[in-house]
Amino acid sequence: MKITKIGGNARNVHRVAAYCRVSTDKDEQLESFETQRNYYTKLIENHEGWESAGIYADPGRSATSVKHRPRFLEMMEDAKAGKIDIILVKSISRFARNAADCQNYSRELKTYGVEVRFEREGISNMDPQAEFLFSVMSIVAQEESHSISDNVRWTYRKNFQKGIYHMGNNRILGFDMNEEGKLVPNQDAWIIRRIFDDFMSGMTYKSIADDLNAAGAKRMRSKRPFNGDTVIRILHNPAYVGDLHLQKEAPTDYLTKQPMKNVEYETYYVQDEHEGIISREVWNQVKAIFEKEKQEREAGIHRTKGPTHFLYGIVFCAECGSPMVRRTYTNRNKTRYKAWNCRERFRGKNDCKNPAIREDDLIAEIVSALQTHGVEIEGEDEKIITANVRRVDVSAEEIRIIFMDEEEAVAV
């Protein structure tokens, strides 16, 4: 009787993959990451009976949640598809620091017939006797992550008490960080000054954003244009007056990465920590405006976000009838001034050719017209102007005013 073997893996070759990961994006960690990847590449290439099934690597990723590790999830899919026989990993902590995830994914891979070898611990998910040891070591790895998290929070807390801080990637719009670790204004500081100046001049958040975009201002971490929410965050950031608010929110949970609920924590406010971009006087005025808005909201008074200049809703374009808006201009001498122009032209629509009018000229004409009309007024008295002027129509040739006690416009 003759028996002939057919099929099977005549070369007895195992498809071997490796998974490596570092926790942060710091240079020394990234160097370690490259070292891991090179190590596994050479190990697989030089091992008889092995062929590479790929090096799966997640640089700068936390191990506490696999949803933040796309290459790990890709490896799981390839294993399920039968493309991998063995997975090499440096240690349980590199594979996962969440005990439940570590065990569940290892067991899932075992059902696919894929062996996971943990080099540091010297165990494999295929060894039945290693199941208990694996469980214990997974829990230990999770507790290690918990301990590290606690130590990091303790270090942050002690540093905050001393006024020592870390700005993440050391970047904040309008600032650079010098060699001493201090924030210093940079070439983008004009954007911050313009935001505060526009806000104090009465422009709404959206108008401020539109003004920045028209001036060519760029955000630091996004290619999208400025919007109202971005403006609000900048106006509330004490870094721009030279202060820092440290530990503003509750510390995050080491597993969920979400703020911890019902946890007591200390917050610190450091005043005059570095050179500010805007003055203390401007900062206090902005805070006062926000406080007034808060009180009005609590009292049930609804207003459009941001302060409103007293001429808004009064001044209109005589050419197309659209409201005129307040903008900041810069002359040839780099001096900034306020002017009003047609909203449609401000939006970039070229149908209206009505030119802008300087604010000081506009108010001077209104005051002169009021005096001619018999109203006693000195300077720019907002209350007297708003109490007596119903509408102002502005064109290149003239300014026409309708008073509260008149139906016909008076040209000035």
Protein backbone atom coordinates (compact mmCIF):
# COMPACT_ATOMS: atom_id res chain seq x y z
CA MET A 1 0.00 0.00 0.00
CA LYS A 2 1.35 3.38 -1.00
CA ILE A 3 0.39 6.55 0.94
CA THR A 4 1.08 9.97 -0.57
CA LYS A 5 0.85 13.17 1.50
CA ILE A 6 -0.90 16.03 -0.24
CA GLY A 7 -1.36 19.69 0.81
CA GLY A 8 -0.05 21.08 4.08
CA ASN A 9 2.80 23.49 4.70
CA ALA A 10 5.80 21.76 3.21
CA ARG A 11 8.17 24.54 4.26
CA ASN A 12 6.74 24.69 7.80
CA VAL A 13 7.03 28.48 7.67
CA HIS A 14 5.36 30.61 10.35
CA ARG A 15 4.05 34.06 9.50
CA VAL A 16 5.32 36.21 12.36
CA ALA A 17 4.24 39.73 13.21
CA ALA A 18 5.37 42.07 15.96
CA TYR A 19 3.58 44.78 17.87
CA CYS A 20 5.47 47.68 19.42
CA ARG A 21 4.36 50.93 21.02
CA VAL A 22 5.59 53.92 23.01
CA SER A 23 3.44 56.05 25.30
CA THR A 24 4.41 59.57 24.23
CA ASP A 25 5.66 61.60 21.27
CA LYS A 26 8.82 62.80 23.04
CA ASP A 27 12.06 62.44 21.08
CA GLU A 28 13.61 59.88 23.43
CA GLN A 29 10.46 57.75 23.31
CA LEU A 30 10.29 57.94 19.52
CA GLU A 31 13.90 56.80 19.37
CA SER A 32 12.94 53.82 21.55
CA PHE A 33 10.05 53.16 19.20
CA GLU A 34 12.39 52.98 16.19
CA THR A 35 14.70 50.70 18.16
CA GLN A 36 11.82 48.29 18.87
CA ARG A 37 10.74 48.23 15.24
CA ASN A 38 14.27 47.61 13.93
CA TYR A 39 14.83 44.91 16.53
CA TYR A 40 11.76 42.92 15.52
CA THR A 41 12.42 43.36 11.81
CA LYS A 42 15.91 41.83 12.12
CA LEU A 43 14.73 39.15 14.56
CA ILE A 44 12.07 37.85 12.19
CA GLU A 45 14.27 38.10 9.09
CA ASN A 46 17.11 36.14 10.75
CA HIS A 47 14.96 33.40 12.31
CA GLU A 48 14.81 30.19 10.32
CA GLY A 49 11.27 29.14 9.46
CA TRP A 50 9.83 32.64 9.99
CA GLU A 51 8.58 35.11 7.45
CA SER A 52 7.41 38.61 8.25
CA ALA A 53 3.70 39.22 8.56
CA GLY A 54 4.33 42.89 9.32
CA ILE A 55 5.47 45.20 12.09
CA TYR A 56 2.43 46.84 13.68
CA ALA A 57 3.40 49.99 15.52
CA ASP A 58 1.54 52.79 17.30
CA PRO A 59 3.88 55.67 18.17
CA GLY A 60 2.81 58.11 20.86
CA ARG A 61 -0.28 56.15 21.85
CA SER A 62 -1.66 55.30 25.27
CA ALA A 63 -2.12 51.63 26.05
CA THR A 64 -5.11 52.16 28.32
CA SER A 65 -7.57 52.09 25.43
CA VAL A 66 -7.09 50.18 22.17
CA LYS A 67 -9.48 52.51 20.32
CA HIS A 68 -6.57 54.98 20.20
CA ARG A 69 -4.27 52.37 18.61
CA PRO A 70 -5.32 51.91 14.98
CA ARG A 71 -2.42 49.62 14.08
CA PHE A 72 -3.27 47.29 16.97
CA LEU A 73 -6.84 46.99 15.72
CA GLU A 74 -5.54 46.40 12.18
CA MET A 75 -3.36 43.60 13.53
CA MET A 76 -6.39 41.99 15.17
CA GLU A 77 -8.28 42.07 11.86
CA ASP A 78 -5.34 40.54 9.98
CA ALA A 79 -5.07 37.80 12.61
CA LYS A 80 -8.77 37.06 12.25
CA ALA A 81 -8.31 36.85 8.48
CA GLY A 82 -5.65 34.15 8.90
CA LYS A 83 -2.66 36.28 7.87
CA ILE A 84 -0.67 35.84 11.11
CA ASP A 85 0.56 32.78 13.03
CA ILE A 86 2.65 34.36 15.79
CA ILE A 87 2.71 37.84 17.35
CA LEU A 88 5.77 39.04 19.24
CA VAL A 89 5.44 41.77 21.84
CA LYS A 90 8.01 43.14 24.28
CA SER A 91 5.84 42.87 27.39
CA ILE A 92 2.30 42.79 28.71
CA SER A 93 2.50 46.54 29.43
CA ARG A 94 3.33 47.18 25.76
CA PHE A 95 0.38 45.05 24.70
CA ALA A 96 -2.14 46.64 27.10
CA ARG A 97 -2.18 48.03 30.63
CA ASN A 98 -5.87 47.34 31.01
CA ALA A 99 -6.10 43.82 32.46
CA ALA A 100 -9.46 43.08 30.91
CA ASP A 101 -8.35 44.18 27.44
CA CYS A 102 -5.10 42.28 27.70
CA GLN A 103 -6.79 39.00 28.58
CA ASN A 104 -9.70 39.40 26.19
CA TYR A 105 -7.56 40.18 23.15
CA SER A 106 -5.08 37.42 23.96
CA ARG A 107 -7.88 34.89 24.29
CA GLU A 108 -9.49 36.15 21.09
CA LEU A 109 -6.22 35.67 19.22
CA LYS A 110 -5.95 32.17 20.66
CA THR A 111 -9.33 31.28 19.13
CA TYR A 112 -7.88 32.33 15.75
CA GLY A 113 -4.94 29.99 16.33
CA VAL A 114 -2.56 32.92 16.78
CA GLU A 115 0.12 32.69 19.43
CA VAL A 116 1.15 35.80 21.36
CA ARG A 117 4.61 35.68 22.92
CA PHE A 118 5.42 38.14 25.70
CA GLU A 119 9.22 38.32 25.71
CA ARG A 120 9.90 39.98 29.04
CA GLU A 121 7.56 37.69 30.99
CA GLY A 122 8.51 34.61 28.98
CA ILE A 123 4.90 33.43 28.58
CA SER A 124 2.61 32.60 25.66
CA ASN A 125 -1.14 32.71 25.41
CA MET A 126 -0.96 29.12 24.12
CA ASP A 127 0.41 27.76 27.39
CA PRO A 128 -2.50 26.52 29.57
CA GLN A 129 -0.36 26.62 32.70
CA ALA A 130 0.44 30.27 32.05
CA GLU A 131 -3.20 31.40 32.21
CA PHE A 132 -3.13 32.10 35.94
CA LEU A 133 0.26 33.81 35.76
CA PHE A 134 -0.96 35.82 32.80
CA SER A 135 -4.01 37.00 34.76
CA VAL A 136 -1.91 38.07 37.73
CA MET A 137 0.66 39.88 35.61
CA SER A 138 -2.05 41.66 33.63
CA ILE A 139 -3.56 42.97 36.87
CA VAL A 140 -0.11 44.02 38.08
CA ALA A 141 0.45 45.88 34.80
CA GLN A 142 -2.86 47.70 35.25
CA GLU A 143 -1.94 48.67 38.80
CA GLU A 144 1.41 49.89 37.48
CA SER A 145 -0.46 52.21 35.14
CA HIS A 146 -2.62 53.38 38.06
CA SER A 147 0.47 54.04 40.18
CA ILE A 148 2.19 55.95 37.39
CA SER A 149 -0.95 58.04 36.89
CA ASP A 150 -1.10 58.87 40.61
CA ASN A 151 2.59 59.78 40.64
CA VAL A 152 2.18 62.06 37.64
CA ARG A 153 -0.79 63.84 39.25
CA TRP A 154 1.19 64.24 42.48
CA THR A 155 4.11 65.73 40.56
CA TYR A 156 1.81 68.13 38.70
CA ARG A 157 0.17 69.19 41.96
CA LYS A 158 3.53 69.93 43.64
CA ASN A 159 4.77 71.80 40.59
CA PHE A 160 1.57 73.85 40.42
CA GLN A 161 2.08 74.87 44.04
CA LYS A 162 5.48 76.23 43.01
CA GLY A 163 4.11 77.88 39.86
CA ILE A 164 5.86 75.33 37.62
CA TYR A 165 3.80 74.25 34.64
CA HIS A 166 3.98 72.38 31.34
CA MET A 167 2.20 73.74 28.26
CA GLY A 168 1.73 70.37 26.56
CA ASN A 169 3.50 70.95 23.24
CA ASN A 170 4.70 74.35 24.49
CA ARG A 171 2.50 76.18 21.99
CA ILE A 172 -0.21 78.75 22.49
CA LEU A 173 -1.31 81.25 19.84
CA GLY A 174 0.65 84.48 20.17
CA PHE A 175 3.42 82.97 22.33
CA ASP A 176 6.66 81.04 22.07
CA MET A 177 8.46 79.43 24.99
CA ASN A 178 12.02 80.56 25.67
CA GLU A 179 14.92 78.53 27.05
CA GLU A 180 13.91 79.39 30.63
CA GLY A 181 10.47 77.87 30.05
CA LYS A 182 8.69 81.23 30.02
CA LEU A 183 6.05 82.31 27.53
CA VAL A 184 7.11 85.26 25.37
CA PRO A 185 4.99 87.08 22.75
CA ASN A 186 5.82 86.20 19.15
CA GLN A 187 4.94 87.45 15.67
CA ASP A 188 1.30 86.32 16.06
CA ALA A 189 0.70 88.56 19.10
CA TRP A 190 -1.03 91.09 16.82
CA ILE A 191 -3.90 88.63 16.39
CA ILE A 192 -4.53 88.60 20.13
CA ARG A 193 -4.30 92.40 20.43
CA ARG A 194 -6.73 92.77 17.55
CA ILE A 195 -9.25 90.40 19.13
CA PHE A 196 -9.27 92.30 22.43
CA ASP A 197 -9.29 95.67 20.68
CA ASP A 198 -12.20 94.67 18.43
CA PHE A 199 -14.09 93.27 21.41
CA MET A 200 -13.65 96.47 23.39
CA SER A 201 -14.78 98.49 20.38
CA GLY A 202 -18.16 96.74 20.43
CA MET A 203 -17.81 94.10 17.71
CA THR A 204 -19.60 90.79 18.12
CA TYR A 205 -17.67 87.52 18.28
CA LYS A 206 -18.57 86.64 14.70
CA SER A 207 -17.60 90.09 13.45
CA ILE A 208 -14.24 89.78 15.20
CA ALA A 209 -13.66 86.40 13.57
CA ASP A 210 -14.59 87.81 10.16
CA ASP A 211 -12.23 90.73 10.74
CA LEU A 212 -9.35 88.35 11.54
CA ASN A 213 -10.00 86.17 8.51
CA ALA A 214 -10.15 89.23 6.25
CA ALA A 215 -6.79 90.37 7.68
CA GLY A 216 -5.18 87.01 6.90
CA ALA A 217 -4.84 85.78 10.49
CA LYS A 218 -4.08 82.06 10.83
CA ARG A 219 -4.95 79.67 13.63
CA MET A 220 -2.12 77.65 15.12
CA ARG A 221 -3.46 74.09 15.10
CA SER A 222 -6.11 74.29 12.41
CA LYS A 223 -6.36 75.39 8.80
CA ARG A 224 -9.97 76.37 9.33
CA PRO A 225 -10.85 80.09 9.62
CA PHE A 226 -11.46 81.81 12.94
CA ASN A 227 -14.98 81.54 14.34
CA GLY A 228 -16.89 82.96 17.27
CA ASP A 229 -16.08 80.07 19.63
CA THR A 230 -12.34 80.49 19.02
CA VAL A 231 -12.60 84.20 19.78
CA ILE A 232 -14.47 83.50 23.05
CA ARG A 233 -11.80 81.04 24.23
CA ILE A 234 -9.04 83.55 23.56
CA LEU A 235 -10.88 86.33 25.38
CA HIS A 236 -11.20 84.08 28.45
CA ASN A 237 -7.57 82.89 28.47
CA PRO A 238 -5.60 84.60 31.29
CA ALA A 239 -2.30 83.73 29.58
CA TYR A 240 -2.77 86.79 27.39
CA VAL A 241 -2.52 89.18 30.34
CA GLY A 242 0.47 87.30 31.76
CA ASP A 243 -1.37 84.99 34.19
CA LEU A 244 -1.82 81.22 34.30
CA HIS A 245 -4.70 79.16 35.66
CA LEU A 246 -3.30 75.75 36.57
CA GLN A 247 -5.36 72.57 37.09
CA LYS A 248 -8.60 74.20 35.93
CA GLU A 249 -10.39 70.87 35.57
CA ALA A 250 -10.58 67.66 37.57
CA PRO A 251 -7.76 65.17 36.88
CA THR A 252 -8.50 62.49 34.29
CA ASP A 253 -9.10 58.85 35.06
CA TYR A 254 -6.08 56.73 34.05
CA LEU A 255 -8.30 54.24 32.19
CA THR A 256 -11.15 56.25 30.67
CA LYS A 257 -9.11 59.45 30.13
CA GLN A 258 -12.23 61.37 31.20
CA PRO A 259 -12.40 63.93 34.06
CA MET A 260 -12.86 62.15 37.39
CA LYS A 261 -16.20 62.88 39.03
CA ASN A 262 -16.63 63.72 42.71
CA VAL A 263 -12.88 64.10 43.21
CA GLU A 264 -11.51 66.99 45.24
CA TYR A 265 -8.64 68.85 43.59
CA GLU A 266 -6.84 72.14 44.05
CA THR A 267 -6.63 74.83 41.39
CA TYR A 268 -3.96 77.52 41.25
CA TYR A 269 -3.91 81.01 39.72
CA VAL A 270 -0.47 82.51 39.06
CA GLN A 271 -0.52 86.26 38.39
CA ASP A 272 2.15 88.09 36.36
CA GLU A 273 3.88 84.80 35.58
CA HIS A 274 5.14 85.98 32.18
CA GLU A 275 4.99 88.94 29.81
CA GLY A 276 1.42 89.53 28.68
CA ILE A 277 0.18 90.60 25.26
CA ILE A 278 -2.64 92.80 26.52
CA SER A 279 -2.65 95.19 29.49
CA ARG A 280 -4.14 94.46 32.91
CA GLU A 281 -6.53 97.36 32.38
CA VAL A 282 -7.94 95.84 29.17
CA TRP A 283 -8.16 92.40 30.80
CA ASN A 284 -10.15 93.78 33.73
CA GLN A 285 -12.50 95.63 31.37
CA VAL A 286 -13.14 92.45 29.40
CA LYS A 287 -13.81 90.53 32.62
CA ALA A 288 -16.28 93.22 33.67
CA ILE A 289 -18.15 92.88 30.37
CA PHE A 290 -18.38 89.09 30.78
CA GLU A 291 -19.58 89.49 34.36
CA LYS A 292 -22.27 91.92 33.24
CA GLU A 293 -23.40 89.48 30.53
CA LYS A 294 -23.56 86.71 33.12
CA GLN A 295 -25.70 88.80 35.45
CA GLU A 296 -28.02 89.69 32.57
CA ARG A 297 -28.40 86.02 31.60
CA GLU A 298 -29.20 85.11 35.19
CA ALA A 299 -31.78 87.91 35.23
CA GLY A 300 -33.36 86.55 32.04
CA ILE A 301 -32.09 89.34 29.81
CA HIS A 302 -31.04 87.97 26.42
CA ARG A 303 -28.46 89.81 24.35
CA THR A 304 -26.38 88.99 21.29
CA LYS A 305 -23.03 87.53 22.27
CA GLY A 306 -20.40 90.19 22.80
CA PRO A 307 -20.74 93.93 23.58
CA THR A 308 -22.67 96.12 21.15
CA HIS A 309 -21.58 99.62 20.11
CA PHE A 310 -24.28 102.21 20.67
CA LEU A 311 -24.48 103.02 16.94
CA TYR A 312 -25.28 99.43 15.90
CA GLY A 313 -28.82 99.26 14.54
CA ILE A 314 -28.87 103.01 13.89
CA VAL A 315 -26.38 103.47 11.03
CA PHE A 316 -27.34 102.20 7.56
CA CYS A 317 -25.91 102.27 4.05
CA ALA A 318 -27.73 104.88 1.95
CA GLU A 319 -26.86 103.01 -1.27
CA CYS A 320 -28.37 99.55 -0.58
CA GLY A 321 -30.13 99.94 2.77
CA SER A 322 -27.99 97.35 4.60
CA PRO A 323 -26.77 97.96 8.16
CA MET A 324 -23.28 99.36 8.49
CA VAL A 325 -20.75 97.56 10.67
CA ARG A 326 -17.78 98.73 12.68
CA ARG A 327 -14.30 97.69 11.63
CA THR A 328 -10.71 98.40 12.54
CA TYR A 329 -8.44 99.85 9.85
CA THR A 330 -4.72 100.59 9.75
CA ASN A 331 -3.35 103.60 7.86
CA ARG A 332 0.03 103.99 6.21
CA ASN A 333 1.58 105.14 9.49
CA LYS A 334 0.48 101.85 11.12
CA THR A 335 -2.04 103.76 13.22
CA ARG A 336 -5.30 101.93 13.80
CA TYR A 337 -8.68 103.62 13.68
CA LYS A 338 -12.36 102.69 13.67
CA ALA A 339 -14.60 103.11 10.66
CA TRP A 340 -18.06 102.01 9.50
CA ASN A 341 -18.83 100.40 6.18
CA CYS A 342 -21.67 98.57 4.45
CA ARG A 343 -22.23 95.07 5.83
CA GLU A 344 -22.62 93.62 2.33
CA ARG A 345 -19.26 95.02 1.27
CA PHE A 346 -17.74 93.77 4.51
CA ARG A 347 -18.99 90.28 3.66
CA GLY A 348 -17.10 90.42 0.40
CA LYS A 349 -20.08 91.19 -1.83
CA ASN A 350 -19.01 93.79 -4.37
CA ASP A 351 -22.47 94.95 -5.41
CA CYS A 352 -22.33 97.92 -3.02
CA LYS A 353 -19.60 100.48 -3.64
CA ASN A 354 -20.41 102.77 -0.71
CA PRO A 355 -17.07 103.67 0.95
CA ALA A 356 -16.33 103.47 4.65
CA ILE A 357 -16.60 106.50 6.95
CA ARG A 358 -14.31 107.10 9.89
CA GLU A 359 -16.09 106.75 13.23
CA ASP A 360 -14.85 110.07 14.63
CA ASP A 361 -16.13 111.89 11.50
CA LEU A 362 -19.49 110.08 11.71
CA ILE A 363 -20.03 110.91 15.38
CA ALA A 364 -18.91 114.51 14.85
CA GLU A 365 -21.56 114.94 12.14
CA ILE A 366 -24.26 113.40 14.37
CA VAL A 367 -23.33 115.64 17.32
CA SER A 368 -23.32 118.72 15.06
CA ALA A 369 -26.77 117.78 13.69
CA LEU A 370 -28.14 117.32 17.22
CA GLN A 371 -26.85 120.73 18.28
CA THR A 372 -28.42 122.28 15.18
CA HIS A 373 -31.65 120.47 16.07
CA GLY A 374 -31.62 122.15 19.49
CA VAL A 375 -30.33 119.24 21.56
CA GLU A 376 -27.74 120.11 24.19
CA ILE A 377 -24.82 117.70 23.85
CA GLU A 378 -21.11 117.81 24.52
CA GLY A 379 -18.67 115.22 23.26
CA GLU A 380 -19.85 111.71 22.36
CA ASP A 381 -22.74 111.31 24.79
CA GLU A 382 -24.09 107.86 23.90
CA LYS A 383 -27.34 108.21 25.86
CA ILE A 384 -28.27 111.54 24.26
CA ILE A 385 -27.46 110.25 20.76
CA THR A 386 -29.49 107.04 21.12
CA ALA A 387 -32.37 108.91 22.79
CA ASN A 388 -32.67 111.43 19.97
CA VAL A 389 -31.51 109.68 16.77
CA ARG A 390 -33.70 107.05 15.12
CA ARG A 391 -31.66 106.36 11.98
CA VAL A 392 -28.54 107.52 10.15
CA ASP A 393 -28.14 106.86 6.39
CA VAL A 394 -24.59 107.25 5.12
CA SER A 395 -23.45 107.73 1.52
CA ALA A 396 -20.31 109.12 -0.10
CA GLU A 397 -22.04 112.47 -0.70
CA GLU A 398 -23.93 113.09 2.55
CA ILE A 399 -25.24 111.83 5.88
CA ARG A 400 -29.00 111.90 6.43
CA ILE A 401 -30.40 111.70 9.96
CA ILE A 402 -33.93 110.92 11.16
CA PHE A 403 -34.54 112.23 14.69
CA MET A 404 -36.93 110.57 17.12
CA ASP A 405 -39.38 113.49 16.91
CA GLU A 406 -39.17 113.78 13.12
CA GLU A 407 -40.43 111.63 10.23
CA GLU A 408 -38.30 113.18 7.47
CA ALA A 409 -34.52 112.78 7.25
CA VAL A 410 -32.30 115.83 7.70
CA ALA A 411 -29.20 116.00 5.53
CA VAL A 412 -25.95 117.10 7.22
